[in-house]
Protein backbone atom coordinates (compact mmCIF):
# COMPACT_ATOMS: atom_id res chain seq x y z
CA MET A 1 -20.14 16.78 4.77
CA TYR A 2 -17.69 14.66 2.71
CA THR A 3 -14.18 15.57 2.40
CA PHE A 4 -12.59 14.32 -0.89
CA ILE A 5 -8.82 14.12 -1.05
CA VAL A 6 -7.96 13.93 -4.78
CA ASN A 7 -4.71 13.22 -6.41
CA PRO A 8 -5.21 14.91 -9.86
CA ASN A 9 -2.23 13.35 -11.31
CA ALA A 10 -3.04 9.72 -10.54
CA ARG A 11 -2.54 7.48 -13.44
CA THR A 12 -1.10 10.24 -15.68
CA GLY A 13 -3.84 12.66 -15.28
CA LEU A 14 -6.76 10.31 -15.08
CA GLY A 15 -7.67 11.19 -11.45
CA LEU A 16 -8.44 14.91 -12.36
CA ARG A 17 -10.66 13.77 -15.18
CA ILE A 18 -12.49 11.12 -12.99
CA TRP A 19 -12.90 13.80 -10.16
CA ARG A 20 -14.63 16.26 -12.61
CA ASN A 21 -17.23 13.58 -13.69
CA LEU A 22 -17.80 12.92 -10.04
CA GLU A 23 -18.00 16.36 -8.72
CA ALA A 24 -20.74 17.06 -11.42
CA LEU A 25 -22.71 14.33 -9.85
CA LEU A 26 -22.28 15.45 -6.33
CA LYS A 27 -23.59 19.01 -7.42
CA GLU A 28 -26.35 17.25 -9.31
CA TRP A 29 -27.44 15.25 -6.21
CA GLN A 30 -26.99 18.42 -4.10
CA ILE A 31 -24.42 16.60 -1.68
CA LYS A 32 -22.44 18.87 0.45
CA TYR A 33 -18.81 18.21 0.17
CA GLN A 34 -15.24 20.00 0.28
CA VAL A 35 -12.42 18.95 -1.71
CA CYS A 36 -8.44 18.92 -1.62
CA LEU A 37 -6.74 18.50 -4.86
CA THR A 38 -3.13 17.51 -3.87
CA ARG A 39 -0.40 19.58 -5.37
CA TYR A 40 2.91 17.80 -3.88
CA PRO A 41 4.14 14.86 -2.02
CA HIS A 42 2.58 14.46 1.49
CA HIS A 43 0.13 17.22 0.76
CA ALA A 44 -2.80 14.88 1.55
CA THR A 45 -1.05 13.90 4.87
CA GLU A 46 -0.71 17.59 5.91
CA TYR A 47 -4.21 18.38 4.86
CA VAL A 48 -5.76 15.47 6.71
CA ARG A 49 -3.54 15.97 9.93
CA ASP A 50 -4.96 19.60 10.16
CA LEU A 51 -8.52 18.48 9.25
CA THR A 52 -8.62 15.80 12.07
CA ALA A 53 -7.16 17.74 14.78
CA GLY A 54 -10.55 18.76 16.05
CA ASN A 55 -13.21 16.40 17.77
CA ALA A 56 -15.77 16.45 14.81
CA ALA A 57 -16.65 13.08 13.13
CA LEU A 58 -15.58 13.02 9.59
CA THR A 59 -15.92 11.12 6.40
CA LEU A 60 -12.81 11.07 4.21
CA VAL A 61 -12.76 10.02 0.68
CA ALA A 62 -9.46 9.39 -1.08
CA LEU A 63 -9.33 9.42 -4.84
CA GLY A 64 -6.06 8.19 -6.28
CA GLY A 65 -4.02 5.16 -5.84
CA ASP A 66 -2.25 3.19 -3.05
CA GLY A 67 0.16 6.22 -2.39
CA THR A 68 -2.90 8.50 -1.83
CA ILE A 69 -4.44 6.00 0.73
CA ASN A 70 -0.99 5.77 2.44
CA GLU A 71 -0.87 9.76 2.68
CA VAL A 72 -4.41 10.00 4.19
CA VAL A 73 -3.87 7.28 6.62
CA ASN A 74 -0.69 8.92 7.81
CA GLY A 75 -2.48 12.14 8.50
CA ILE A 76 -5.50 10.73 10.57
CA GLN A 77 -5.08 11.88 14.11
CA ASP A 78 -7.72 9.88 15.68
CA PHE A 79 -9.20 6.93 13.98
CA SER A 80 -12.40 6.74 16.10
CA LYS A 81 -13.38 9.93 14.43
CA VAL A 82 -12.95 9.11 10.96
CA THR A 83 -14.94 6.88 8.32
CA LEU A 84 -12.73 6.35 5.07
CA GLY A 85 -13.99 5.84 1.66
CA TYR A 86 -11.83 5.05 -1.41
CA ILE A 87 -12.20 5.62 -5.20
CA PRO A 88 -9.30 3.77 -6.74
CA ILE A 89 -7.61 5.60 -9.81
CA GLY A 90 -3.99 4.39 -9.36
CA SER A 91 -1.98 1.99 -11.44
CA SER A 92 -1.72 -0.70 -8.91
CA ASN A 93 -4.73 -0.36 -6.74
CA ASP A 94 -3.59 -3.15 -4.44
CA PHE A 95 -5.55 -1.90 -1.61
CA ALA A 96 -8.75 -1.87 -3.75
CA ARG A 97 -7.96 -5.32 -5.10
CA SER A 98 -7.58 -6.72 -1.57
CA MET A 99 -10.59 -5.12 -0.34
CA LYS A 100 -12.57 -6.36 -3.27
CA LEU A 101 -14.02 -2.98 -4.29
CA VAL A 102 -15.92 -2.40 -7.40
CA LYS A 103 -13.95 -0.74 -10.33
CA ASN A 104 -16.62 1.66 -11.50
CA PRO A 105 -16.07 5.15 -9.82
CA GLU A 106 -19.65 6.36 -10.07
CA GLN A 107 -20.57 3.07 -8.50
CA ILE A 108 -18.24 3.41 -5.78
CA LEU A 109 -19.46 6.95 -5.15
CA LYS A 110 -22.91 5.96 -4.75
CA GLN A 111 -21.88 3.22 -2.24
CA ILE A 112 -19.87 5.91 -0.26
CA LEU A 113 -22.92 8.17 -0.09
CA SER A 114 -25.30 5.35 0.91
CA PRO A 115 -22.93 2.66 2.55
CA SER A 116 -24.41 -0.86 3.31
CA GLU A 117 -21.22 -2.50 4.45
CA TYR A 118 -18.30 -1.22 6.72
CA ALA A 119 -15.04 -3.17 7.38
CA TYR A 120 -12.87 -2.34 10.46
CA ILE A 121 -9.28 -2.52 9.19
CA ASN A 122 -5.92 -2.65 10.78
CA ILE A 123 -3.30 0.06 9.77
CA GLY A 124 0.35 -0.87 10.04
CA LYS A 125 3.18 1.17 11.67
CA LEU A 126 6.92 1.06 10.60
CA VAL A 127 9.50 2.47 12.94
CA SER A 128 13.04 2.94 12.19
CA GLY A 129 15.17 5.20 14.38
CA ASP A 130 13.20 8.43 14.68
CA SER A 131 11.19 7.83 11.60
CA VAL A 132 7.50 6.59 12.01
CA ARG A 133 5.08 5.67 8.97
CA ARG A 134 1.90 3.96 8.65
CA PHE A 135 0.86 1.65 5.99
CA ALA A 136 -2.40 0.23 4.70
CA VAL A 137 -1.04 -2.37 2.38
CA SER A 138 2.47 -3.37 3.09
CA ALA A 139 5.92 -2.34 4.21
CA GLY A 140 9.03 -3.99 2.53
CA ILE A 141 12.76 -3.95 2.94
CA GLY A 142 15.11 -5.00 0.17
CA PHE A 143 14.34 -5.80 -3.36
CA ASP A 144 10.62 -4.88 -3.45
CA ALA A 145 11.28 -1.58 -2.12
CA GLU A 146 14.27 -1.00 -4.58
CA VAL A 147 11.64 -1.73 -7.37
CA CYS A 148 9.43 1.00 -5.89
CA PHE A 149 12.42 3.47 -5.80
CA HIS A 150 12.95 2.91 -9.61
CA ASN A 151 9.39 2.54 -10.55
CA THR A 152 8.14 5.80 -9.09
CA SER A 153 10.19 7.79 -11.73
CA SER A 154 10.00 5.06 -14.28
CA ARG A 155 9.15 6.30 -18.03
CA ILE A 156 7.86 2.76 -18.69
CA LYS A 157 5.32 3.11 -15.88
CA ARG A 158 3.94 6.42 -17.46
CA TRP A 159 4.04 4.67 -20.97
CA LEU A 160 2.04 1.81 -19.48
CA ASN A 161 -0.43 3.91 -17.43
CA ARG A 162 -1.30 5.58 -20.96
CA LEU A 163 -2.20 1.93 -22.21
CA LYS A 164 -4.18 1.07 -18.99
CA LEU A 165 -1.40 -1.49 -18.23
CA GLY A 166 0.38 0.35 -15.25
CA LYS A 167 0.34 -2.58 -12.87
CA LEU A 168 2.73 -4.34 -15.29
CA SER A 169 5.37 -1.69 -14.60
CA TYR A 170 6.36 -3.32 -11.11
CA THR A 171 6.95 -6.42 -13.04
CA GLY A 172 9.16 -4.93 -15.81
CA VAL A 173 11.21 -3.05 -13.39
CA ALA A 174 11.70 -6.02 -11.27
CA LEU A 175 12.66 -8.49 -13.85
CA PHE A 176 15.46 -5.73 -14.89
CA LEU A 177 16.73 -5.19 -11.32
CA LEU A 178 16.86 -8.71 -10.31
CA LEU A 179 19.70 -9.55 -12.74
CA ALA A 180 21.77 -7.05 -10.71
CA LEU A 181 20.58 -7.89 -7.34
CA LYS A 182 22.74 -9.23 -4.56
CA PRO A 183 20.96 -10.87 -1.67
CA ARG A 184 22.08 -9.80 1.69
CA PRO A 185 21.93 -11.53 5.24
CA MET A 186 19.05 -10.55 7.37
CA ALA A 187 17.77 -11.45 10.97
CA LEU A 188 14.25 -11.27 11.78
CA THR A 189 12.39 -11.46 15.40
CA LEU A 190 8.88 -12.21 15.18
CA ASP A 191 7.17 -11.79 18.42
CA GLY A 192 10.12 -12.96 20.19
CA ARG A 193 11.01 -15.73 17.68
CA LYS A 194 14.33 -15.33 16.06
CA LYS A 195 14.97 -16.24 12.37
CA ALA A 196 18.05 -15.77 10.19
CA PHE A 197 18.81 -16.00 6.63
CA GLN A 198 21.90 -15.69 4.56
CA LYS A 199 20.60 -14.26 1.11
CA VAL A 200 17.38 -12.40 1.46
CA PHE A 201 15.86 -10.76 -1.70
CA PHE A 202 13.36 -8.92 0.33
CA ALA A 203 11.05 -9.14 3.50
CA THR A 204 7.64 -7.51 3.51
CA ALA A 205 5.12 -7.13 6.31
CA MET A 206 1.75 -7.43 4.55
CA ASN A 207 -1.63 -5.98 5.92
CA GLN A 208 -3.45 -7.00 2.61
CA GLN A 209 -3.06 -9.93 0.23
CA TYR A 210 -1.48 -7.88 -2.74
CA GLU A 211 1.19 -5.50 -3.55
CA GLY A 212 3.16 -4.47 -6.51
CA GLY A 213 0.13 -4.28 -8.91
CA GLY A 214 -1.40 -7.69 -8.22
CA PHE A 215 1.15 -9.90 -6.61
CA CYS A 216 -0.49 -12.09 -4.25
CA PHE A 217 2.36 -12.34 -1.74
CA CYS A 218 0.29 -13.36 1.20
CA PRO A 219 -2.80 -14.96 -0.01
CA ASP A 220 -4.12 -15.38 3.40
CA ALA A 221 -3.35 -12.05 4.86
CA ASP A 222 -6.59 -10.24 6.52
CA PRO A 223 -6.63 -6.73 7.14
CA GLY A 224 -8.96 -7.02 10.18
CA ASP A 225 -7.37 -9.95 12.01
CA ASP A 226 -4.91 -7.97 14.23
CA LEU A 227 -1.97 -9.70 12.68
CA LEU A 228 0.53 -8.85 10.17
CA ASP A 229 1.72 -11.42 7.48
CA LEU A 230 5.29 -11.47 6.69
CA ILE A 231 6.99 -12.81 3.50
CA VAL A 232 10.56 -13.56 3.15
CA ILE A 233 12.01 -14.50 -0.14
CA ALA A 234 15.51 -16.08 0.74
CA ASP A 235 18.20 -18.62 0.10
CA MET A 236 17.40 -19.63 -3.39
CA PRO A 237 19.25 -19.18 -6.80
CA LYS A 238 18.57 -16.04 -8.65
CA LEU A 239 17.15 -17.92 -11.66
CA LYS A 240 14.63 -19.66 -9.54
CA ALA A 241 13.60 -16.14 -8.03
CA LEU A 242 13.10 -14.98 -11.57
CA LEU A 243 10.88 -17.82 -12.66
CA LEU A 244 8.95 -17.58 -9.39
CA LEU A 245 7.84 -13.93 -9.51
CA PRO A 246 5.01 -14.38 -12.27
CA THR A 247 3.46 -17.24 -10.16
CA ALA A 248 3.01 -14.72 -7.23
CA TYR A 249 0.21 -13.29 -9.30
CA MET A 250 -1.87 -16.44 -8.40
CA GLY A 251 -0.43 -17.06 -5.05
CA TRP A 252 1.18 -20.18 -6.14
CA HIS A 253 4.72 -19.09 -5.14
CA THR A 254 3.91 -20.13 -1.60
CA ARG A 255 4.51 -23.84 -2.68
CA PHE A 256 8.26 -23.38 -3.22
CA LYS A 257 11.11 -23.75 -1.02
CA GLY A 258 12.81 -20.35 -0.21
CA VAL A 259 9.37 -18.87 0.21
CA HIS A 260 8.75 -17.99 3.82
CA ILE A 261 5.49 -16.73 5.36
CA TYR A 262 4.75 -15.90 9.05
CA THR A 263 1.98 -14.15 11.02
CA CYS A 264 2.83 -12.14 13.94
CA ARG A 265 1.96 -8.77 15.92
CA GLU A 266 5.53 -7.37 15.58
CA ALA A 267 8.36 -8.01 13.19
CA VAL A 268 11.85 -6.59 13.62
CA LEU A 269 14.02 -6.92 10.50
CA LEU A 270 17.64 -6.25 10.79
CA GLY A 271 19.91 -6.13 7.62
CA SER A 272 23.67 -6.34 7.40
CA GLN A 273 23.73 -2.83 5.67
CA LYS A 274 21.33 0.01 4.57
CA LEU A 275 18.67 -1.31 2.47
CA PRO A 276 15.70 0.53 0.58
CA VAL A 277 12.41 0.57 2.30
CA HIS A 278 8.88 1.34 1.21
CA THR A 279 5.24 1.66 2.47
CA ASP A 280 2.41 0.92 0.14
CA GLY A 281 4.60 1.10 -2.83
CA GLU A 282 6.08 4.47 -1.95
CA PRO A 283 9.91 4.78 -1.38
CA VAL A 284 10.38 6.24 2.08
CA MET A 285 13.92 5.69 3.32
CA THR A 286 17.16 3.76 3.20
CA VAL A 287 18.06 2.09 6.52
CA PRO A 288 19.57 -1.12 7.88
CA SER A 289 16.60 -2.16 10.08
CA MET A 290 12.79 -1.46 10.71
CA THR A 291 10.11 -2.63 13.09
CA CYS A 292 6.63 -3.40 11.85
CA SER A 293 3.37 -3.53 13.95
CA LEU A 294 -0.17 -2.64 13.87
CA GLU A 295 -1.82 0.61 15.15
CA PRO A 296 -3.90 -0.37 18.31
CA GLU A 297 -7.07 1.17 17.00
CA LYS A 298 -8.91 0.01 13.85
CA LEU A 299 -9.96 2.26 11.12
CA ARG A 300 -13.60 2.11 9.74
CA PHE A 301 -13.92 1.80 6.08
CA ILE A 302 -16.80 1.85 3.49
CA ARG A 303 -16.58 -1.38 1.85
CA GLY A 304 -19.77 -1.34 -0.07
């Protein structure tokens, strides 16, 4: 039995249209399945939490964007009982990009039904006060999270989605917000090593290479190496940061002064004031500090 968790509103309704096509194939191939069409924020998390409360082994298939993957992994109660498949329909698709998944939904469905390759991937954990959130792609504090807050309700994003250019919405919002940004001091503790910066644009813990619709912020990130990659953009002129942003699509930004990349098992980030925080591109809270680490158990993922 396959359980599909579908975001029907992914990419302005494309999720539902794709699901209807795939569901017709499942019926034609006489595949047993059940489906949850999500209706509100965190619906997928609630559904998966209830579904994984028992002892049965399950194959979950998420159909949507990075936010859908985020909601699904936040609901899983026991990673050892779950195999995860993913059909990317979002505007950013950074998880799919990092995992090098094919783009054709029908082809991915066939791979999920007859898998030939699995990957055992780490899942990140963000803790701030009493709040705990998992992430599959990244968790950031500062400017990149502020972009996510604005991009979630952006009319530009909806318009670009209709033109199949949704991933560019992050860039457009980022360029606009960067003009008004005021970098802040931040202290980091990485596996006990202390770092301090005076003017931080953002700091992001990366489990995958890409975020924000194709920015290769941490080119060497490996979701299965039991390590987080952390990028900090700090102590550079605003104009330089503005010019640097497009180079991150190719991963060339790492060559420049002011771009700091570290690897660690745990990162504690302490700002001088409350800052926005995101997980997998979804705005989650505004806090002065957060701790990022990895769940002790890996998740089996259908890669091909």
